[in-house]
């Protein structure tokens, strides 16, 4: 419990520091949010009135603390551009991005585990070499380009889906999942390749250790040694990677939404950046940071459960 308590305290402090740095960064960026909202034809009086309305004329610390306490209560502020609550803009779109990230994550786990174990068991054979060659190519392809390739092959060639024909889950649940499965593949595949490579190398490294030879000397066959001994220890670095990957998949979902014309928070983020709509951008970045930090916290907890020795050294 002491270990978890320390990690929880560190998570909260990290979130607080990130919120401060994000708010400070947008406060220091050159430009005028009031001018972006009203346009270049606005009079000095109207610009001054809007700056006062938005609170831009007050000291930085005062604005930050007011924003922070409101954010904790679930009030993300008002959009400079659209003059509506930021929460009303983000919350309806957030489930789409989160669902894509979660599906991509589970696809990665389901695909990477058996392939990683298979290549480790058949290390050096032709099948292992072929898989690792393909794996290396897939690992080097970024999300957006993978999305373009999948759109072309599955959408235009095989016609398994209509590119740009997104269907809302509120209208057609089956149609929604039938469409987003393809962007999820684009997000998952590079991470599958990374996981396979790490799991394979970790299993091979663990197989060289003394406890494995001891397990074989007791009459255990290869499968028993692999699944009862090697895999448990080999999964520790893989779990760490998966914790970082879950957060990265959320960012990947935001990127890939542009390729597949999906109305998630990615489109809102890009539009808000172009309009200097800082309350919207800040809210989205803080939410992403929250997911990243919580994912890492969960990994730390799982890591300690897998290897209790960690709490001794913390």
Foldseek 3Di string as FASTA:
>chain_A
DVLLVVLVVVLVVVLVVVLVVLLVVLLPDDDQLLCLQPDPPDDPVSSVVLCVVQVVVDDSVVVSVVCVVCVVVVFLDAWSRPRHTLCVVAVVQAVLLLVLLVVLLVVLVVLQVVLLVVLLVVPPDPVNVVVLVVLVVQLPDDLQVLLVVLCCCVCVPVNQDDQLPADDCVVPVVSNCSQSVSSSCSLNRNVSSVLSVQLSVQLNVLCPDPVLVVVVVVPDDPVCSSPVPSNLRSCLVSLQSSLQSSLVSSVSSLVSCVRRVNPHCNVVLVVCVVSSRSSNVSSVVSVSSSSSSVSNSVSSVVSCVSPVCVVVVD
